[in-house]
Amino acid sequence: MIQNFKEATLGKTGLKVFRLGLSASYLPGEKTIRRSIELGINYFFAYGFDRQMTKSLPKLIQSNREKFVLATGAYNYIWGFQNLEKALEKRLRQFKTDYIDLFMFLGVLKPKEFNEQTRDALRKLRETGKVKAIGMSCHDRKFAGELAKNDELDALMIRYNAAHCGAEEDIFPHLTHHTPGIISYTATRWSYLLRRPRTWSKTEPLPTAPMCYRFVLSNPNVDVCMTAPSNIKQLEENVRALELGVLNSDEMNFMKRFGDVVHNQKKWFM
């Protein structure tokens, strides 16, 4: 049972978060980023090379920095070890801040890519006080489940949507109240959950983006679901969806049925 559909505590970090987080992947513009704050969003994920976020966010959060959760990180370059300390210092300069709330190692595909050297480097960054919490984004669900079970990180960023529900078996059962916070991405499965599959009847409706977000947030294990609107209208529509709360049984069954169809389509990526 979700006591508060709009707000959560990000796992053991203690960070209070609005359950929709904003990414600037689709170039929403400064007005949209500003509007997201007016609507209550306080969790922002920035790649570091998404210039709209690096340009707009520092001046928008500077006066009330403690109210916002800034998540960023360093990328997994599989051909060699990235200096996480240098990456952190660059992010601090970009966002004109003394600390990062959540610093992650991003884009791990296989367990060997998140070796002890990288884990130790993350832990040392947290010890400096320049990072409040550490985490990782991971495409290997079973590995993410092991990390959750062993309580190694403060947060995990994972894929979860109606077409990809594997986290319900591989990750969520390993979570307790004091284990990693969960941030999910691709709620619309890169918009495939908004398109009509060839095998889906033309007389049946399609999910909306807000329904996709509500599906994800109806799972109490998810603390933050990322959204990446391209304009204010999309942003406001997605945030308003939270007023509707948890999907009812008919809506949930519809989303799961549609998600299964999308998942089983032949496609060029998984």
C-alpha atoms as a PDB file:
ATOM      1  CA  MET A   1       0.000   0.000   0.000  1.00  0.00           C
ATOM      2  CA  ILE A   2       1.441   3.377  -1.054  1.00  0.00           C
ATOM      3  CA  GLN A   3       0.801   5.923   1.675  1.00  0.00           C
ATOM      4  CA  ASN A   4       1.873   8.902  -0.448  1.00  0.00           C
ATOM      5  CA  PHE A   5       1.718   8.520  -4.218  1.00  0.00           C
ATOM      6  CA  LYS A   6       3.503  11.811  -4.884  1.00  0.00           C
ATOM      7  CA  GLU A   7       6.396  11.760  -2.437  1.00  0.00           C
ATOM      8  CA  ALA A   8       8.857   9.228  -1.076  1.00  0.00           C
ATOM      9  CA  THR A   9      12.118   8.824   0.781  1.00  0.00           C
ATOM     10  CA  LEU A  10      14.880   7.607  -1.520  1.00  0.00           C
ATOM     11  CA  GLY A  11      15.761   4.387   0.254  1.00  0.00           C
ATOM     12  CA  LYS A  12      18.322   4.645   3.024  1.00  0.00           C
ATOM     13  CA  THR A  13      19.623   8.001   1.710  1.00  0.00           C
ATOM     14  CA  GLY A  14      16.952   9.825   3.702  1.00  0.00           C
ATOM     15  CA  LEU A  15      16.473  12.200   0.767  1.00  0.00           C
ATOM     16  CA  LYS A  16      12.874  13.352   0.354  1.00  0.00           C
ATOM     17  CA  VAL A  17      11.836  13.200  -3.290  1.00  0.00           C
ATOM     18  CA  PHE A  18       8.905  13.985  -5.539  1.00  0.00           C
ATOM     19  CA  ARG A  19       8.195  10.657  -7.243  1.00  0.00           C
ATOM     20  CA  LEU A  20       8.557  12.069 -10.749  1.00  0.00           C
ATOM     21  CA  GLY A  21      12.098  13.107 -11.539  1.00  0.00           C
ATOM     22  CA  LEU A  22      13.086  15.314 -14.466  1.00  0.00           C
ATOM     23  CA  SER A  23      15.615  14.604 -17.189  1.00  0.00           C
ATOM     24  CA  ALA A  24      16.369  16.986 -20.062  1.00  0.00           C
ATOM     25  CA  SER A  25      16.923  14.223 -22.609  1.00  0.00           C
ATOM     26  CA  TYR A  26      14.351  15.697 -25.011  1.00  0.00           C
ATOM     27  CA  LEU A  27      15.400  19.335 -24.671  1.00  0.00           C
ATOM     28  CA  PRO A  28      12.469  20.746 -22.682  1.00  0.00           C
ATOM     29  CA  GLY A  29      13.914  24.246 -22.390  1.00  0.00           C
ATOM     30  CA  GLU A  30      14.469  26.442 -19.339  1.00  0.00           C
ATOM     31  CA  LYS A  31      10.788  27.397 -19.031  1.00  0.00           C
ATOM     32  CA  THR A  32       9.834  23.738 -18.671  1.00  0.00           C
ATOM     33  CA  ILE A  33      12.576  23.105 -16.124  1.00  0.00           C
ATOM     34  CA  ARG A  34      11.416  26.157 -14.173  1.00  0.00           C
ATOM     35  CA  ARG A  35       7.798  24.992 -14.387  1.00  0.00           C
ATOM     36  CA  SER A  36       8.766  21.556 -13.051  1.00  0.00           C
ATOM     37  CA  ILE A  37       9.977  23.206  -9.855  1.00  0.00           C
ATOM     38  CA  GLU A  38       6.705  25.132  -9.545  1.00  0.00           C
ATOM     39  CA  LEU A  39       4.853  21.811  -9.834  1.00  0.00           C
ATOM     40  CA  GLY A  40       6.838  20.292  -6.984  1.00  0.00           C
ATOM     41  CA  ILE A  41       9.535  18.286  -8.781  1.00  0.00           C
ATOM     42  CA  ASN A  42      12.761  18.317  -6.797  1.00  0.00           C
ATOM     43  CA  TYR A  43      14.695  15.356  -8.256  1.00  0.00           C
ATOM     44  CA  PHE A  44      16.797  16.216 -11.287  1.00  0.00           C
ATOM     45  CA  PHE A  45      18.996  13.853 -13.260  1.00  0.00           C
ATOM     46  CA  ALA A  46      21.685  15.374 -15.430  1.00  0.00           C
ATOM     47  CA  TYR A  47      24.109  13.610 -17.726  1.00  0.00           C
ATOM     48  CA  GLY A  48      26.593  16.461 -17.651  1.00  0.00           C
ATOM     49  CA  PHE A  49      26.506  16.994 -21.389  1.00  0.00           C
ATOM     50  CA  ASP A  50      22.812  17.938 -21.486  1.00  0.00           C
ATOM     51  CA  ARG A  51      23.456  21.658 -21.764  1.00  0.00           C
ATOM     52  CA  GLN A  52      19.897  22.785 -21.065  1.00  0.00           C
ATOM     53  CA  MET A  53      20.124  21.252 -17.600  1.00  0.00           C
ATOM     54  CA  THR A  54      23.668  22.397 -16.872  1.00  0.00           C
ATOM     55  CA  LYS A  55      22.830  25.912 -18.018  1.00  0.00           C
ATOM     56  CA  SER A  56      19.415  26.334 -16.384  1.00  0.00           C
ATOM     57  CA  LEU A  57      19.428  24.295 -13.204  1.00  0.00           C
ATOM     58  CA  PRO A  58      22.240  25.994 -11.234  1.00  0.00           C
ATOM     59  CA  LYS A  59      20.511  29.360 -11.137  1.00  0.00           C
ATOM     60  CA  LEU A  60      17.115  27.797 -10.414  1.00  0.00           C
ATOM     61  CA  ILE A  61      18.158  25.767  -7.361  1.00  0.00           C
ATOM     62  CA  GLN A  62      20.995  27.849  -5.943  1.00  0.00           C
ATOM     63  CA  SER A  63      18.974  29.855  -3.436  1.00  0.00           C
ATOM     64  CA  ASN A  64      17.262  26.749  -1.961  1.00  0.00           C
ATOM     65  CA  ARG A  65      19.857  24.109  -2.718  1.00  0.00           C
ATOM     66  CA  GLU A  66      18.902  21.884   0.231  1.00  0.00           C
ATOM     67  CA  LYS A  67      15.377  21.399  -1.143  1.00  0.00           C
ATOM     68  CA  PHE A  68      16.601  19.772  -4.341  1.00  0.00           C
ATOM     69  CA  VAL A  69      18.095  16.383  -5.137  1.00  0.00           C
ATOM     70  CA  LEU A  70      20.703  16.579  -7.872  1.00  0.00           C
ATOM     71  CA  ALA A  71      21.623  13.227  -9.392  1.00  0.00           C
ATOM     72  CA  THR A  72      24.420  12.807 -11.902  1.00  0.00           C
ATOM     73  CA  GLY A  73      27.488  10.677 -12.362  1.00  0.00           C
ATOM     74  CA  ALA A  74      30.293   9.298 -14.479  1.00  0.00           C
ATOM     75  CA  TYR A  75      29.832   7.004 -17.453  1.00  0.00           C
ATOM     76  CA  ASN A  76      30.971   3.451 -17.818  1.00  0.00           C
ATOM     77  CA  TYR A  77      33.619   3.513 -20.513  1.00  0.00           C
ATOM     78  CA  ILE A  78      34.124  -0.211 -21.032  1.00  0.00           C
ATOM     79  CA  TRP A  79      37.484   0.291 -22.706  1.00  0.00           C
ATOM     80  CA  GLY A  80      39.071   1.752 -19.596  1.00  0.00           C
ATOM     81  CA  PHE A  81      38.620   3.052 -16.044  1.00  0.00           C
ATOM     82  CA  GLN A  82      37.193   6.545 -15.722  1.00  0.00           C
ATOM     83  CA  ASN A  83      38.576   8.844 -13.062  1.00  0.00           C
ATOM     84  CA  LEU A  84      35.490   9.340 -10.911  1.00  0.00           C
ATOM     85  CA  GLU A  85      37.052  12.096  -8.836  1.00  0.00           C
ATOM     86  CA  LYS A  86      37.704  14.201 -11.937  1.00  0.00           C
ATOM     87  CA  ALA A  87      34.166  13.512 -13.163  1.00  0.00           C
ATOM     88  CA  LEU A  88      32.759  14.654  -9.820  1.00  0.00           C
ATOM     89  CA  GLU A  89      34.789  17.850  -9.794  1.00  0.00           C
ATOM     90  CA  LYS A  90      33.548  18.645 -13.284  1.00  0.00           C
ATOM     91  CA  ARG A  91      29.923  18.159 -12.223  1.00  0.00           C
ATOM     92  CA  LEU A  92      30.427  20.388  -9.174  1.00  0.00           C
ATOM     93  CA  ARG A  93      31.738  23.147 -11.440  1.00  0.00           C
ATOM     94  CA  GLN A  94      28.963  22.673 -13.983  1.00  0.00           C
ATOM     95  CA  PHE A  95      26.209  22.951 -11.397  1.00  0.00           C
ATOM     96  CA  LYS A  96      27.942  25.547  -9.234  1.00  0.00           C
ATOM     97  CA  THR A  97      27.384  23.528  -6.076  1.00  0.00           C
ATOM     98  CA  ASP A  98      29.475  22.234  -3.183  1.00  0.00           C
ATOM     99  CA  TYR A  99      27.944  18.772  -3.251  1.00  0.00           C
ATOM    100  CA  ILE A 100      26.043  16.258  -5.361  1.00  0.00           C
ATOM    101  CA  ASP A 101      23.138  14.474  -3.696  1.00  0.00           C
ATOM    102  CA  LEU A 102      23.466  11.242  -5.681  1.00  0.00           C
ATOM    103  CA  PHE A 103      26.550  10.403  -7.719  1.00  0.00           C
ATOM    104  CA  MET A 104      26.290   7.269  -9.847  1.00  0.00           C
ATOM    105  CA  PHE A 105      28.364   5.061 -12.085  1.00  0.00           C
ATOM    106  CA  LEU A 106      26.176   5.001 -15.174  1.00  0.00           C
ATOM    107  CA  GLY A 107      25.469   2.427 -17.862  1.00  0.00           C
ATOM    108  CA  VAL A 108      26.763  -0.836 -16.391  1.00  0.00           C
ATOM    109  CA  LEU A 109      25.973  -3.722 -18.744  1.00  0.00           C
ATOM    110  CA  LYS A 110      27.841  -6.563 -17.043  1.00  0.00           C
ATOM    111  CA  PRO A 111      29.077  -7.221 -13.486  1.00  0.00           C
ATOM    112  CA  LYS A 112      32.736  -7.070 -14.543  1.00  0.00           C
ATOM    113  CA  GLU A 113      32.245  -3.438 -15.543  1.00  0.00           C
ATOM    114  CA  PHE A 114      31.490  -2.499 -11.945  1.00  0.00           C
ATOM    115  CA  ASN A 115      34.656  -3.846 -10.376  1.00  0.00           C
ATOM    116  CA  GLU A 116      36.068  -3.319  -6.908  1.00  0.00           C
ATOM    117  CA  GLN A 117      38.238  -0.436  -8.103  1.00  0.00           C
ATOM    118  CA  THR A 118      35.145   1.464  -9.222  1.00  0.00           C
ATOM    119  CA  ARG A 119      33.186   0.619  -6.085  1.00  0.00           C
ATOM    120  CA  ASP A 120      36.040   1.756  -3.882  1.00  0.00           C
ATOM    121  CA  ALA A 121      36.336   5.008  -5.840  1.00  0.00           C
ATOM    122  CA  LEU A 122      32.627   5.691  -5.306  1.00  0.00           C
ATOM    123  CA  ARG A 123      32.877   5.017  -1.578  1.00  0.00           C
ATOM    124  CA  LYS A 124      35.830   7.403  -1.283  1.00  0.00           C
ATOM    125  CA  LEU A 125      33.845  10.156  -3.001  1.00  0.00           C
ATOM    126  CA  ARG A 126      31.094   9.756  -0.422  1.00  0.00           C
ATOM    127  CA  GLU A 127      33.655   9.976   2.380  1.00  0.00           C
ATOM    128  CA  THR A 128      34.788  13.408   1.138  1.00  0.00           C
ATOM    129  CA  GLY A 129      31.382  14.915   1.879  1.00  0.00           C
ATOM    130  CA  LYS A 130      31.095  16.193  -1.690  1.00  0.00           C
ATOM    131  CA  VAL A 131      28.662  13.362  -2.404  1.00  0.00           C
ATOM    132  CA  LYS A 132      25.737  12.480  -0.119  1.00  0.00           C
ATOM    133  CA  ALA A 133      24.890   9.132  -1.682  1.00  0.00           C
ATOM    134  CA  ILE A 134      26.333   6.787  -4.299  1.00  0.00           C
ATOM    135  CA  GLY A 135      24.659   4.519  -6.805  1.00  0.00           C
ATOM    136  CA  MET A 136      24.724   2.883 -10.189  1.00  0.00           C
ATOM    137  CA  SER A 137      22.545   2.494 -13.261  1.00  0.00           C
ATOM    138  CA  CYS A 138      22.468  -1.076 -14.466  1.00  0.00           C
ATOM    139  CA  HIS A 139      21.009  -3.069 -17.348  1.00  0.00           C
ATOM    140  CA  ASP A 140      21.723  -6.436 -15.711  1.00  0.00           C
ATOM    141  CA  ARG A 141      18.740  -7.036 -13.426  1.00  0.00           C
ATOM    142  CA  LYS A 142      20.130 -10.075 -11.632  1.00  0.00           C
ATOM    143  CA  PHE A 143      23.345  -8.205 -10.837  1.00  0.00           C
ATOM    144  CA  ALA A 144      21.337  -5.213  -9.597  1.00  0.00           C
ATOM    145  CA  GLY A 145      19.376  -7.647  -7.422  1.00  0.00           C
ATOM    146  CA  GLU A 146      22.616  -8.958  -5.904  1.00  0.00           C
ATOM    147  CA  LEU A 147      23.760  -5.423  -5.113  1.00  0.00           C
ATOM    148  CA  ALA A 148      20.412  -4.669  -3.497  1.00  0.00           C
ATOM    149  CA  LYS A 149      20.559  -7.855  -1.456  1.00  0.00           C
ATOM    150  CA  ASN A 150      24.115  -7.124  -0.285  1.00  0.00           C
ATOM    151  CA  ASP A 151      23.192  -3.512   0.514  1.00  0.00           C
ATOM    152  CA  GLU A 152      26.301  -2.167  -1.243  1.00  0.00           C
ATOM    153  CA  LEU A 153      24.888   1.080  -2.657  1.00  0.00           C
ATOM    154  CA  ASP A 154      22.594   3.892  -1.604  1.00  0.00           C
ATOM    155  CA  ALA A 155      20.553   3.836  -4.827  1.00  0.00           C
ATOM    156  CA  LEU A 156      20.021   1.870  -8.019  1.00  0.00           C
ATOM    157  CA  MET A 157      18.771   3.250 -11.326  1.00  0.00           C
ATOM    158  CA  ILE A 158      17.027   0.538 -13.326  1.00  0.00           C
ATOM    159  CA  ARG A 159      14.721  -0.031 -16.275  1.00  0.00           C
ATOM    160  CA  TYR A 160      11.128  -0.802 -15.309  1.00  0.00           C
ATOM    161  CA  ASN A 161       7.909  -0.440 -17.281  1.00  0.00           C
ATOM    162  CA  ALA A 162       4.850  -2.416 -18.366  1.00  0.00           C
ATOM    163  CA  ALA A 163       6.848  -4.171 -21.090  1.00  0.00           C
ATOM    164  CA  HIS A 164       9.848  -4.888 -18.872  1.00  0.00           C
ATOM    165  CA  CYS A 165       8.675  -6.139 -15.494  1.00  0.00           C
ATOM    166  CA  GLY A 166      11.638  -8.382 -14.688  1.00  0.00           C
ATOM    167  CA  ALA A 167      12.637  -6.174 -11.763  1.00  0.00           C
ATOM    168  CA  GLU A 168       9.577  -7.536  -9.937  1.00  0.00           C
ATOM    169  CA  GLU A 169      11.371 -10.895  -9.723  1.00  0.00           C
ATOM    170  CA  ASP A 170      15.058 -10.016  -9.894  1.00  0.00           C
ATOM    171  CA  ILE A 171      15.366  -6.815  -7.824  1.00  0.00           C
ATOM    172  CA  PHE A 172      12.339  -5.804  -5.778  1.00  0.00           C
ATOM    173  CA  PRO A 173      12.186  -8.960  -3.604  1.00  0.00           C
ATOM    174  CA  HIS A 174      15.668  -8.087  -2.273  1.00  0.00           C
ATOM    175  CA  LEU A 175      14.637  -4.641  -1.043  1.00  0.00           C
ATOM    176  CA  THR A 176      13.782  -3.685   2.504  1.00  0.00           C
ATOM    177  CA  HIS A 177      13.073  -0.320   4.075  1.00  0.00           C
ATOM    178  CA  HIS A 178      16.749   0.420   4.622  1.00  0.00           C
ATOM    179  CA  THR A 179      18.221  -0.836   1.339  1.00  0.00           C
ATOM    180  CA  PRO A 180      18.943   1.098  -1.878  1.00  0.00           C
ATOM    181  CA  GLY A 181      16.522   3.656  -3.194  1.00  0.00           C
ATOM    182  CA  ILE A 182      15.129   2.781  -6.631  1.00  0.00           C
ATOM    183  CA  ILE A 183      15.032   5.186  -9.566  1.00  0.00           C
ATOM    184  CA  SER A 184      13.367   3.849 -12.707  1.00  0.00           C
ATOM    185  CA  TYR A 185      13.681   5.026 -16.283  1.00  0.00           C
ATOM    186  CA  THR A 186      11.995   4.376 -19.671  1.00  0.00           C
ATOM    187  CA  ALA A 187       8.450   4.313 -18.284  1.00  0.00           C
ATOM    188  CA  THR A 188       7.120   4.504 -21.857  1.00  0.00           C
ATOM    189  CA  ARG A 189       9.793   2.126 -23.178  1.00  0.00           C
ATOM    190  CA  TRP A 190      11.158   4.797 -25.496  1.00  0.00           C
ATOM    191  CA  SER A 191       7.540   5.546 -26.565  1.00  0.00           C
ATOM    192  CA  TYR A 192       6.830   1.953 -27.724  1.00  0.00           C
ATOM    193  CA  LEU A 193       4.149   1.724 -25.022  1.00  0.00           C
ATOM    194  CA  LEU A 194       2.366   4.637 -26.701  1.00  0.00           C
ATOM    195  CA  ARG A 195       2.285   3.087 -30.186  1.00  0.00           C
ATOM    196  CA  ARG A 196      -0.129   0.546 -31.628  1.00  0.00           C
ATOM    197  CA  PRO A 197       1.503  -2.854 -32.222  1.00  0.00           C
ATOM    198  CA  ARG A 198       0.475  -4.681 -35.391  1.00  0.00           C
ATOM    199  CA  THR A 199      -1.220  -7.359 -33.310  1.00  0.00           C
ATOM    200  CA  TRP A 200      -3.196  -4.889 -31.169  1.00  0.00           C
ATOM    201  CA  SER A 201      -6.810  -4.435 -32.252  1.00  0.00           C
ATOM    202  CA  LYS A 202      -7.652  -1.056 -33.773  1.00  0.00           C
ATOM    203  CA  THR A 203     -10.777  -0.989 -31.636  1.00  0.00           C
ATOM    204  CA  GLU A 204      -8.790  -1.096 -28.394  1.00  0.00           C
ATOM    205  CA  PRO A 205      -7.312   2.025 -26.801  1.00  0.00           C
ATOM    206  CA  LEU A 206      -3.635   2.745 -26.292  1.00  0.00           C
ATOM    207  CA  PRO A 207      -1.936   3.686 -23.034  1.00  0.00           C
ATOM    208  CA  THR A 208      -1.133   7.332 -22.424  1.00  0.00           C
ATOM    209  CA  ALA A 209       2.185   8.557 -21.054  1.00  0.00           C
ATOM    210  CA  PRO A 210       0.563   9.382 -17.678  1.00  0.00           C
ATOM    211  CA  MET A 211      -0.749   5.812 -17.461  1.00  0.00           C
ATOM    212  CA  CYS A 212       2.772   4.520 -18.059  1.00  0.00           C
ATOM    213  CA  TYR A 213       4.089   6.643 -15.190  1.00  0.00           C
ATOM    214  CA  ARG A 214       1.250   5.563 -12.930  1.00  0.00           C
ATOM    215  CA  PHE A 215       2.023   1.922 -13.734  1.00  0.00           C
ATOM    216  CA  VAL A 216       5.600   2.365 -12.548  1.00  0.00           C
ATOM    217  CA  LEU A 217       4.695   4.409  -9.484  1.00  0.00           C
ATOM    218  CA  SER A 218       1.953   1.984  -8.484  1.00  0.00           C
ATOM    219  CA  ASN A 219       4.799  -0.283  -7.427  1.00  0.00           C
ATOM    220  CA  PRO A 220       5.811   0.857  -3.922  1.00  0.00           C
ATOM    221  CA  ASN A 221       9.400  -0.287  -4.490  1.00  0.00           C
ATOM    222  CA  VAL A 222       9.978   2.574  -6.939  1.00  0.00           C
ATOM    223  CA  ASP A 223      10.903   5.829  -5.243  1.00  0.00           C
ATOM    224  CA  VAL A 224      11.406   7.982  -8.343  1.00  0.00           C
ATOM    225  CA  CYS A 225      10.260   7.494 -11.929  1.00  0.00           C
ATOM    226  CA  MET A 226      12.112   9.604 -14.477  1.00  0.00           C
ATOM    227  CA  THR A 227      10.193  11.681 -16.992  1.00  0.00           C
ATOM    228  CA  ALA A 228      11.683  13.485 -19.976  1.00  0.00           C
ATOM    229  CA  PRO A 229       9.037  15.804 -21.468  1.00  0.00           C
ATOM    230  CA  SER A 230       9.919  17.972 -24.424  1.00  0.00           C
ATOM    231  CA  ASN A 231       7.632  20.853 -23.451  1.00  0.00           C
ATOM    232  CA  ILE A 232       5.520  22.313 -20.635  1.00  0.00           C
ATOM    233  CA  LYS A 233       2.290  20.694 -21.859  1.00  0.00           C
ATOM    234  CA  GLN A 234       3.759  17.192 -21.609  1.00  0.00           C
ATOM    235  CA  LEU A 235       5.276  17.971 -18.225  1.00  0.00           C
ATOM    236  CA  GLU A 236       2.001  19.241 -16.773  1.00  0.00           C
ATOM    237  CA  GLU A 237       0.075  16.255 -18.158  1.00  0.00           C
ATOM    238  CA  ASN A 238       2.503  13.825 -16.537  1.00  0.00           C
ATOM    239  CA  VAL A 239       2.480  15.579 -13.173  1.00  0.00           C
ATOM    240  CA  ARG A 240      -1.329  15.839 -13.149  1.00  0.00           C
ATOM    241  CA  ALA A 241      -1.475  12.069 -13.581  1.00  0.00           C
ATOM    242  CA  LEU A 242      -0.158  11.703 -10.043  1.00  0.00           C
ATOM    243  CA  GLU A 243      -3.446  13.136  -8.798  1.00  0.00           C
ATOM    244  CA  LEU A 244      -5.105   9.913 -10.008  1.00  0.00           C
ATOM    245  CA  GLY A 245      -2.869   7.770  -7.835  1.00  0.00           C
ATOM    246  CA  VAL A 246      -2.417   4.018  -8.046  1.00  0.00           C
ATOM    247  CA  LEU A 247      -3.834   2.237 -11.091  1.00  0.00           C
ATOM    248  CA  ASN A 248      -7.060   0.412 -10.347  1.00  0.00           C
ATOM    249  CA  SER A 249      -7.287  -3.313 -11.118  1.00  0.00           C
ATOM    250  CA  ASP A 250      -8.782  -2.802 -14.599  1.00  0.00           C
ATOM    251  CA  GLU A 251      -6.133  -0.240 -15.520  1.00  0.00           C
ATOM    252  CA  MET A 252      -3.355  -2.457 -14.194  1.00  0.00           C
ATOM    253  CA  ASN A 253      -4.609  -5.485 -16.113  1.00  0.00           C
ATOM    254  CA  PHE A 254      -4.837  -3.393 -19.281  1.00  0.00           C
ATOM    255  CA  MET A 255      -1.280  -2.097 -18.886  1.00  0.00           C
ATOM    256  CA  LYS A 256       0.121  -5.570 -18.243  1.00  0.00           C
ATOM    257  CA  ARG A 257      -1.720  -7.033 -21.227  1.00  0.00           C
ATOM    258  CA  PHE A 258      -0.523  -4.259 -23.516  1.00  0.00           C
ATOM    259  CA  GLY A 259       2.984  -4.456 -22.085  1.00  0.00           C
ATOM    260  CA  ASP A 260       3.162  -8.169 -22.850  1.00  0.00           C
ATOM    261  CA  VAL A 261       2.220  -7.505 -26.469  1.00  0.00           C
ATOM    262  CA  VAL A 262       4.883  -4.801 -26.794  1.00  0.00           C
ATOM    263  CA  HIS A 263       7.505  -6.969 -25.119  1.00  0.00           C
ATOM    264  CA  ASN A 264       6.876  -9.868 -27.491  1.00  0.00           C
ATOM    265  CA  GLN A 265       7.108  -7.804 -30.664  1.00  0.00           C
ATOM    266  CA  LYS A 266      10.048  -8.399 -32.957  1.00  0.00           C
ATOM    267  CA  LYS A 267      12.268  -5.397 -32.509  1.00  0.00           C
ATOM    268  CA  TRP A 268      15.789  -4.269 -33.167  1.00  0.00           C
ATOM    269  CA  PHE A 269      16.645  -3.789 -29.497  1.00  0.00           C
ATOM    270  CA  MET A 270      15.617  -5.292 -26.181  1.00  0.00           C
END
